[in-house]
Amino acid sequence: MPSAPTTSLDLGAEEFRADPYPWLAEERRRAPVAWHEGMQMYLALDHRSASAVQRNRHLGRIWRDREPTDFLEPFNLLHRNQMMENEPPEHTRLRRPVAAAFNRGHVERLRPRVRELAHGLLDHVDPAGFDVVEGYAEPLPVLVIAELLGVPSSYAPQLRAWSQAIVRMYEVGPAPEVVTAAVDASSDFAALVRELVDQRRRVPADDLVTDLVGTELSDDEVVASVVLLLNAGHEASVNVFGNGLVAMLQRGLRPGPDPAATVEEMLRFDSALQLFERTATAPVVIGDVVVEPGQRIAALLGAANRDPVVFEAPDTFDVGRDPNPHLSFGVGVHFCLGAPLARMELAESLSALFDRFPGLRLTGRPEQRGTFVLRGYRHVEVSA
């Protein structure tokens, strides 16, 4: 076993998943980097170490096909061909055409459409009581990313279901039924995207799929990129919105005068992505620990985002916090490509909600998803 402080955090425990921050704070006080015997990896718990894990070029995202490979091929195919699971130069080759498509102005041209969709969804909720996740936070980003890519809005409910099935595979020790659901969702999701890619080759449109079809990416790489964008393009937004809204309403808070600052605090305070894993390709020093080649280390972003060395009163939700150097979108080569879209979408949807319902309040106990790596709420009942 590596000579480092050890931690026995049970990331699957119900009480930990309900509120991981007291446990994470205690572990961070004990050591900035610790070895987890059960997971066979290091955990980086403070801001400095978690940032270093993401920045160091000798700590990479190295995709290893999940076993059994025959059964899991639909899931593996989507991951081995996407930028998130590769390092330069392959990562650069996969990311460049997607970044170029984003830079053509697709995101900013969507701002009026985001407002329109947000108000349209709010027109159909009952102010006396509604589920703000199911009726608003979930459908809005799905509709937005589908429109950006060129996926018909009629598929929006199915896109959300497929995404949920796939991302549950990222949790620690997924159950057999979770694995099967992820494989089925991967197959169905890829089939839809392949059909869409074929259509755009025949009849181009003003959307991201058309842009990607015209690049040097292979069909498998286009499919993997589109599925990644559909998943990441709404998964983070749903969970950031739900987590941040619950935190505010539980404390009787409203967005500050600068909605963008409030969004940054939503991103920091209760991180939607809690764990980001890397593998050493050469000896790397993180804190006082040497991570040897082949060993894994995970940045615990929720722990890093509440490091008192960096954030004053880290357990306080401050709608105007400035500066706010959270790590929720990552740093380095894997910085989230969709961050501008997520920020715009969250600011617009948050403003629309509180402009319409300034007296918004919780009316029941929010129901969590029961996950840790991707943390969020399933249902949040509110009234105006």
Protein backbone atom coordinates (compact mmCIF):
# COMPACT_ATOMS: atom_id res chain seq x y z
CA MET A 1 0.00 0.00 0.00
CA PRO A 2 1.33 3.51 -0.76
CA SER A 3 2.90 5.33 2.19
CA ALA A 4 0.31 8.07 2.62
CA PRO A 5 -2.46 9.00 5.04
CA THR A 6 -5.40 6.70 4.55
CA THR A 7 -9.14 7.39 4.46
CA SER A 8 -12.02 5.00 4.89
CA LEU A 9 -14.72 7.31 3.54
CA ASP A 10 -17.71 5.26 2.43
CA LEU A 11 -18.83 7.13 -0.67
CA GLY A 12 -21.80 4.81 -1.01
CA ALA A 13 -23.20 5.34 2.49
CA GLU A 14 -26.66 6.89 2.55
CA GLU A 15 -25.77 9.43 5.24
CA PHE A 16 -22.64 10.47 3.34
CA ARG A 17 -24.51 10.97 0.09
CA ALA A 18 -27.21 12.97 1.85
CA ASP A 19 -24.63 15.55 3.03
CA PRO A 20 -21.00 14.70 2.25
CA TYR A 21 -19.51 18.03 3.31
CA PRO A 22 -18.94 17.42 7.05
CA TRP A 23 -17.13 14.15 6.23
CA LEU A 24 -15.13 15.79 3.45
CA ALA A 25 -14.16 18.69 5.74
CA GLU A 26 -12.89 16.28 8.39
CA GLU A 27 -10.84 14.33 5.85
CA ARG A 28 -9.45 17.55 4.37
CA ARG A 29 -8.33 18.66 7.84
CA ARG A 30 -6.52 15.35 8.32
CA ALA A 31 -4.63 15.42 5.04
CA PRO A 32 -4.92 17.18 1.66
CA VAL A 33 -4.28 13.88 -0.15
CA ALA A 34 -5.20 10.45 1.22
CA TRP A 35 -5.15 6.86 0.02
CA HIS A 36 -8.46 4.99 -0.20
CA GLU A 37 -7.77 1.28 0.12
CA GLY A 38 -11.20 0.15 -1.05
CA MET A 39 -11.09 2.23 -4.23
CA GLN A 40 -7.36 1.70 -4.72
CA MET A 41 -6.75 5.35 -5.49
CA TYR A 42 -5.66 8.60 -3.93
CA LEU A 43 -8.22 11.29 -3.11
CA ALA A 44 -7.24 14.96 -3.43
CA LEU A 45 -9.32 16.91 -0.94
CA ASP A 46 -8.08 20.49 -0.80
CA HIS A 47 -8.27 23.17 -3.48
CA ARG A 48 -4.55 23.23 -4.23
CA SER A 49 -4.25 19.47 -4.65
CA ALA A 50 -7.47 19.06 -6.64
CA SER A 51 -6.39 21.86 -8.97
CA ALA A 52 -2.95 20.28 -9.41
CA VAL A 53 -4.55 16.93 -10.26
CA GLN A 54 -6.46 18.54 -13.12
CA ARG A 55 -3.58 20.66 -14.39
CA ASN A 56 -0.73 18.13 -14.38
CA ARG A 57 -0.14 16.75 -17.87
CA HIS A 58 1.24 13.50 -16.41
CA LEU A 59 -2.15 12.79 -14.84
CA GLY A 60 -4.44 11.80 -17.66
CA ARG A 61 -7.88 10.52 -18.50
CA ILE A 62 -7.00 7.05 -19.74
CA TRP A 63 -10.03 5.12 -20.91
CA ARG A 64 -10.01 1.42 -20.15
CA ASP A 65 -12.94 -0.48 -21.63
CA ARG A 66 -15.29 -1.67 -18.92
CA GLU A 67 -15.56 -5.43 -18.46
CA PRO A 68 -17.06 -7.60 -19.85
CA THR A 69 -16.13 -5.81 -23.05
CA ASP A 70 -18.52 -7.70 -25.36
CA PHE A 71 -21.57 -6.86 -23.28
CA LEU A 72 -20.43 -3.31 -22.55
CA GLU A 73 -19.29 -2.43 -26.08
CA PRO A 74 -22.14 0.08 -26.70
CA PHE A 75 -21.14 1.95 -23.53
CA ASN A 76 -17.39 1.64 -24.20
CA LEU A 77 -17.75 2.81 -27.79
CA LEU A 78 -19.26 6.12 -26.73
CA HIS A 79 -16.49 6.74 -24.23
CA ARG A 80 -13.31 5.63 -25.95
CA ASN A 81 -14.15 7.98 -28.85
CA GLN A 82 -14.91 11.13 -26.85
CA MET A 83 -12.61 13.95 -25.81
CA MET A 84 -13.28 13.57 -22.07
CA GLU A 85 -11.63 10.15 -21.99
CA ASN A 86 -8.54 11.03 -24.01
CA GLU A 87 -5.39 13.10 -23.57
CA PRO A 88 -3.40 15.19 -26.09
CA PRO A 89 -2.75 14.79 -28.92
CA GLU A 90 -5.91 12.65 -29.32
CA HIS A 91 -7.89 14.91 -26.99
CA THR A 92 -6.84 17.96 -28.99
CA ARG A 93 -7.89 16.31 -32.26
CA LEU A 94 -11.32 15.40 -30.86
CA ARG A 95 -11.91 18.71 -29.06
CA ARG A 96 -10.84 21.10 -31.82
CA PRO A 97 -13.80 20.64 -34.21
CA VAL A 98 -16.32 20.74 -31.35
CA ALA A 99 -14.75 23.93 -29.98
CA ALA A 100 -14.80 25.46 -33.45
CA ALA A 101 -18.49 24.67 -33.80
CA PHE A 102 -19.25 26.29 -30.43
CA ASN A 103 -17.23 29.35 -31.44
CA ARG A 104 -19.41 29.98 -34.48
CA GLY A 105 -21.86 31.82 -32.24
CA HIS A 106 -24.34 29.02 -31.68
CA VAL A 107 -24.39 29.61 -27.89
CA GLU A 108 -25.05 33.36 -27.79
CA ARG A 109 -27.69 33.19 -30.50
CA LEU A 110 -29.62 30.86 -28.19
CA ARG A 111 -29.98 33.42 -25.36
CA PRO A 112 -33.36 34.82 -26.53
CA ARG A 113 -34.53 31.27 -27.19
CA VAL A 114 -33.53 30.20 -23.66
CA ARG A 115 -35.63 33.04 -22.24
CA GLU A 116 -38.54 32.06 -24.46
CA LEU A 117 -38.34 28.40 -23.46
CA ALA A 118 -37.98 29.29 -19.77
CA HIS A 119 -41.07 31.49 -19.74
CA GLY A 120 -43.00 28.96 -21.80
CA LEU A 121 -42.30 26.25 -19.22
CA LEU A 122 -43.26 28.56 -16.36
CA ASP A 123 -46.54 29.34 -18.11
CA HIS A 124 -47.52 25.70 -17.59
CA VAL A 125 -46.72 25.26 -13.89
CA ASP A 126 -49.23 25.73 -11.07
CA PRO A 127 -47.98 28.52 -8.77
CA ALA A 128 -49.85 26.88 -5.89
CA GLY A 129 -47.43 23.97 -6.04
CA PHE A 130 -45.13 22.35 -8.58
CA ASP A 131 -41.97 20.27 -8.90
CA VAL A 132 -39.38 22.79 -10.04
CA VAL A 133 -36.99 20.04 -11.17
CA GLU A 134 -39.47 17.97 -13.15
CA GLY A 135 -41.40 20.92 -14.54
CA TYR A 136 -38.59 23.40 -15.17
CA ALA A 137 -34.96 22.56 -14.36
CA GLU A 138 -34.96 19.25 -16.26
CA PRO A 139 -36.83 20.05 -19.48
CA LEU A 140 -35.22 23.46 -20.12
CA PRO A 141 -31.56 22.42 -20.64
CA VAL A 142 -32.61 19.31 -22.54
CA LEU A 143 -34.60 21.45 -24.97
CA VAL A 144 -31.74 23.94 -25.26
CA ILE A 145 -28.95 21.45 -25.98
CA ALA A 146 -31.21 19.48 -28.35
CA GLU A 147 -31.96 22.66 -30.29
CA LEU A 148 -28.26 23.60 -30.37
CA LEU A 149 -27.32 20.22 -31.78
CA GLY A 150 -30.33 19.87 -34.06
CA VAL A 151 -32.12 17.01 -32.32
CA PRO A 152 -35.94 17.23 -32.64
CA SER A 153 -37.53 18.45 -29.39
CA SER A 154 -39.90 15.46 -29.45
CA TYR A 155 -36.95 13.35 -28.28
CA ALA A 156 -36.31 15.51 -25.20
CA PRO A 157 -37.90 13.16 -22.61
CA GLN A 158 -36.05 10.18 -24.05
CA LEU A 159 -32.74 12.07 -24.11
CA ARG A 160 -33.07 12.77 -20.40
CA ALA A 161 -33.85 9.13 -19.61
CA TRP A 162 -30.91 7.87 -21.68
CA SER A 163 -28.57 10.38 -20.08
CA GLN A 164 -29.65 9.43 -16.56
CA ALA A 165 -29.10 5.74 -17.32
CA ILE A 166 -25.61 6.35 -18.72
CA VAL A 167 -24.31 8.67 -16.01
CA ARG A 168 -25.33 6.33 -13.20
CA MET A 169 -22.47 4.13 -14.44
CA TYR A 170 -20.04 6.76 -13.14
CA GLU A 171 -21.00 6.07 -9.53
CA VAL A 172 -18.86 3.88 -7.31
CA GLY A 173 -19.81 0.18 -7.71
CA PRO A 174 -22.89 0.42 -9.97
CA ALA A 175 -25.43 -2.39 -9.48
CA PRO A 176 -26.00 -4.96 -12.28
CA GLU A 177 -29.33 -3.44 -13.23
CA VAL A 178 -27.67 -0.03 -13.54
CA VAL A 179 -25.05 -1.52 -15.87
CA THR A 180 -27.69 -3.15 -18.07
CA ALA A 181 -29.71 0.07 -18.28
CA ALA A 182 -26.58 2.01 -19.28
CA VAL A 183 -25.80 -0.45 -22.09
CA ASP A 184 -29.35 -0.28 -23.43
CA ALA A 185 -29.38 3.51 -23.25
CA SER A 186 -26.01 3.73 -25.00
CA SER A 187 -27.27 1.57 -27.87
CA ASP A 188 -30.50 3.50 -28.31
CA PHE A 189 -28.83 6.89 -27.94
CA ALA A 190 -26.14 6.05 -30.53
CA ALA A 191 -28.75 4.73 -32.98
CA LEU A 192 -30.68 8.01 -32.84
CA VAL A 193 -27.53 10.09 -33.35
CA ARG A 194 -26.36 7.93 -36.28
CA GLU A 195 -29.72 8.46 -37.95
CA LEU A 196 -29.43 12.20 -37.38
CA VAL A 197 -25.86 12.27 -38.75
CA ASP A 198 -27.04 10.50 -41.92
CA GLN A 199 -29.83 13.05 -42.33
CA ARG A 200 -27.46 16.02 -41.93
CA ARG A 201 -25.12 14.59 -44.55
CA ARG A 202 -28.00 14.60 -47.00
CA VAL A 203 -29.64 17.84 -45.86
CA PRO A 204 -27.35 20.21 -43.87
CA ALA A 205 -28.88 22.55 -41.28
CA ASP A 206 -27.75 25.39 -39.03
CA ASP A 207 -26.81 23.23 -36.08
CA LEU A 208 -23.85 21.60 -34.34
CA VAL A 209 -24.42 18.15 -35.82
CA THR A 210 -24.09 19.58 -39.33
CA ASP A 211 -20.90 21.36 -38.29
CA LEU A 212 -19.40 18.15 -36.88
CA VAL A 213 -20.39 16.05 -39.88
CA GLY A 214 -18.24 18.35 -42.02
CA THR A 215 -15.07 17.75 -39.97
CA GLU A 216 -12.37 15.08 -40.07
CA LEU A 217 -14.04 13.15 -37.23
CA SER A 218 -15.06 9.55 -37.95
CA ASP A 219 -18.69 8.49 -37.65
CA ASP A 220 -18.01 6.86 -34.26
CA GLU A 221 -16.29 10.03 -33.07
CA VAL A 222 -19.13 12.27 -34.24
CA VAL A 223 -21.65 10.03 -32.46
CA ALA A 224 -19.58 9.98 -29.28
CA SER A 225 -19.13 13.75 -29.37
CA VAL A 226 -22.84 14.41 -29.86
CA VAL A 227 -23.82 12.04 -27.05
CA LEU A 228 -21.23 13.65 -24.76
CA LEU A 229 -22.60 17.12 -25.56
CA LEU A 230 -26.19 16.01 -25.02
CA ASN A 231 -25.33 14.39 -21.69
CA ALA A 232 -22.96 17.03 -20.34
CA GLY A 233 -24.94 19.85 -21.93
CA HIS A 234 -27.91 19.33 -19.66
CA GLU A 235 -26.81 17.00 -16.85
CA ALA A 236 -24.69 19.63 -15.13
CA SER A 237 -27.27 22.38 -15.63
CA VAL A 238 -30.10 20.33 -14.10
CA ASN A 239 -28.08 19.39 -11.03
CA VAL A 240 -26.42 22.77 -10.51
CA PHE A 241 -29.82 24.47 -10.72
CA GLY A 242 -31.49 22.03 -8.32
CA ASN A 243 -28.64 21.96 -5.81
CA GLY A 244 -28.22 25.72 -5.81
CA LEU A 245 -31.94 26.49 -5.66
CA VAL A 246 -32.48 24.16 -2.70
CA ALA A 247 -29.52 25.72 -0.89
CA MET A 248 -30.94 29.21 -1.43
CA LEU A 249 -34.54 28.41 -0.51
CA GLN A 250 -33.50 26.53 2.63
CA ARG A 251 -31.73 29.71 3.75
CA GLY A 252 -34.41 32.15 2.63
CA LEU A 253 -32.12 33.62 -0.02
CA ARG A 254 -32.86 35.16 -3.40
CA PRO A 255 -30.46 35.74 -6.32
CA GLY A 256 -28.20 38.76 -5.89
CA PRO A 257 -28.23 41.84 -8.13
CA ASP A 258 -25.73 40.09 -10.41
CA PRO A 259 -27.29 36.75 -11.46
CA ALA A 260 -23.93 35.62 -12.87
CA ALA A 261 -22.32 35.84 -9.42
CA THR A 262 -25.18 33.84 -7.91
CA VAL A 263 -24.70 31.16 -10.57
CA GLU A 264 -21.01 30.89 -9.70
CA GLU A 265 -21.95 30.35 -6.07
CA MET A 266 -24.47 27.69 -7.08
CA LEU A 267 -21.66 25.96 -8.95
CA ARG A 268 -19.35 26.13 -5.93
CA PHE A 269 -21.57 25.53 -2.94
CA ASP A 270 -23.01 22.10 -3.77
CA SER A 271 -21.02 20.78 -6.71
CA ALA A 272 -22.91 18.77 -9.30
CA LEU A 273 -19.71 16.86 -10.21
CA GLN A 274 -17.98 15.66 -7.06
CA LEU A 275 -15.24 13.34 -8.32
CA PHE A 276 -12.94 13.52 -11.36
CA GLU A 277 -10.47 10.66 -11.74
CA ARG A 278 -7.02 10.70 -13.37
CA THR A 279 -4.23 8.12 -13.90
CA ALA A 280 -0.50 8.84 -13.62
CA THR A 281 1.62 8.29 -16.74
CA ALA A 282 4.83 9.33 -14.89
CA PRO A 283 5.69 9.95 -11.22
CA VAL A 284 3.75 13.00 -10.04
CA VAL A 285 4.00 14.81 -6.71
CA ILE A 286 0.64 16.03 -5.37
CA GLY A 287 1.03 17.56 -1.93
CA ASP A 288 3.37 15.26 -0.02
CA VAL A 289 2.38 12.19 -2.04
CA VAL A 290 4.09 10.68 -5.08
CA VAL A 291 1.57 9.15 -7.47
CA GLU A 292 3.40 6.43 -9.37
CA PRO A 293 2.71 5.51 -13.03
CA GLY A 294 -0.47 3.48 -13.31
CA GLN A 295 -1.85 4.69 -9.98
CA ARG A 296 -5.08 6.65 -9.89
CA ILE A 297 -5.99 9.85 -8.09
CA ALA A 298 -9.35 11.58 -7.95
CA ALA A 299 -9.97 15.27 -7.39
CA LEU A 300 -12.88 15.64 -4.96
CA LEU A 301 -14.30 18.87 -6.33
CA GLY A 302 -16.94 19.36 -3.64
CA ALA A 303 -14.27 19.17 -0.95
CA ALA A 304 -11.98 21.53 -2.87
CA ASN A 305 -14.78 24.04 -3.41
CA ARG A 306 -15.23 24.38 0.35
CA ASP A 307 -11.56 24.71 1.26
CA PRO A 308 -11.37 27.46 3.94
CA VAL A 309 -7.85 28.36 2.77
CA VAL A 310 -9.39 29.65 -0.48
CA PHE A 311 -12.99 30.50 0.41
CA GLU A 312 -13.99 32.70 3.35
CA ALA A 313 -16.87 31.10 5.29
CA PRO A 314 -16.97 28.20 2.79
CA ASP A 315 -20.12 26.67 4.27
CA THR A 316 -22.06 29.92 3.76
CA PHE A 317 -24.00 30.47 0.54
CA ASP A 318 -23.02 33.99 -0.55
CA VAL A 319 -25.00 35.15 -3.60
CA GLY A 320 -22.41 37.86 -4.31
CA ARG A 321 -19.21 35.93 -3.50
CA ASP A 322 -16.22 37.48 -5.23
CA PRO A 323 -13.69 36.17 -6.01
CA ASN A 324 -15.01 32.65 -6.52
CA PRO A 325 -12.27 30.41 -7.97
CA HIS A 326 -14.29 27.18 -7.79
CA LEU A 327 -13.20 24.11 -9.74
CA SER A 328 -16.64 22.96 -10.87
CA PHE A 329 -15.92 23.34 -14.58
CA GLY A 330 -12.46 21.87 -14.24
CA VAL A 331 -9.14 23.45 -15.16
CA GLY A 332 -6.48 22.70 -17.74
CA VAL A 333 -7.07 20.89 -21.02
CA HIS A 334 -10.30 19.32 -19.76
CA PHE A 335 -11.94 22.63 -18.82
CA CYS A 336 -15.62 22.23 -19.67
CA LEU A 337 -16.24 23.23 -23.26
CA GLY A 338 -19.90 23.91 -22.46
CA ALA A 339 -19.21 26.29 -19.56
CA PRO A 340 -20.36 29.42 -21.45
CA LEU A 341 -23.63 27.70 -22.42
CA ALA A 342 -24.22 26.44 -18.87
CA ARG A 343 -23.51 29.83 -17.33
CA MET A 344 -25.80 31.66 -19.75
CA GLU A 345 -28.55 29.08 -19.38
CA LEU A 346 -28.40 29.05 -15.58
CA ALA A 347 -28.42 32.85 -15.30
CA GLU A 348 -31.37 33.20 -17.66
CA SER A 349 -33.42 30.40 -16.09
CA LEU A 350 -32.73 31.59 -12.54
CA SER A 351 -33.73 35.17 -13.39
CA ALA A 352 -36.90 34.02 -15.17
CA LEU A 353 -37.96 31.86 -12.23
CA PHE A 354 -37.59 34.57 -9.58
CA ASP A 355 -38.95 37.32 -11.81
CA ARG A 356 -42.09 35.23 -12.21
CA PHE A 357 -42.26 33.94 -8.62
CA PRO A 358 -40.38 36.29 -6.25
CA GLY A 359 -41.97 34.61 -3.24
CA LEU A 360 -40.88 31.10 -4.19
CA ARG A 361 -40.51 28.70 -1.26
CA LEU A 362 -40.03 25.02 -0.57
CA THR A 363 -43.20 23.11 0.28
CA GLY A 364 -41.76 19.70 1.05
CA ARG A 365 -38.55 17.83 1.68
CA PRO A 366 -36.45 17.82 -1.51
CA GLU A 367 -35.78 14.29 -2.77
CA GLN A 368 -32.15 13.61 -3.67
CA ARG A 369 -31.03 11.27 -6.45
CA GLY A 370 -29.02 9.24 -3.96
CA THR A 371 -25.81 9.54 -5.98
CA PHE A 372 -22.44 11.08 -5.14
CA VAL A 373 -20.21 11.43 -8.22
CA LEU A 374 -23.00 13.32 -10.01
CA ARG A 375 -24.96 14.91 -7.19
CA GLY A 376 -28.45 16.31 -7.58
CA TYR A 377 -32.15 16.26 -6.73
CA ARG A 378 -34.88 14.15 -8.27
CA HIS A 379 -37.84 16.21 -6.99
CA VAL A 380 -38.07 19.67 -5.41
CA GLU A 381 -41.62 20.77 -4.57
CA VAL A 382 -42.15 24.55 -4.39
CA SER A 383 -44.93 27.10 -4.41
CA ALA A 384 -45.11 30.78 -5.27
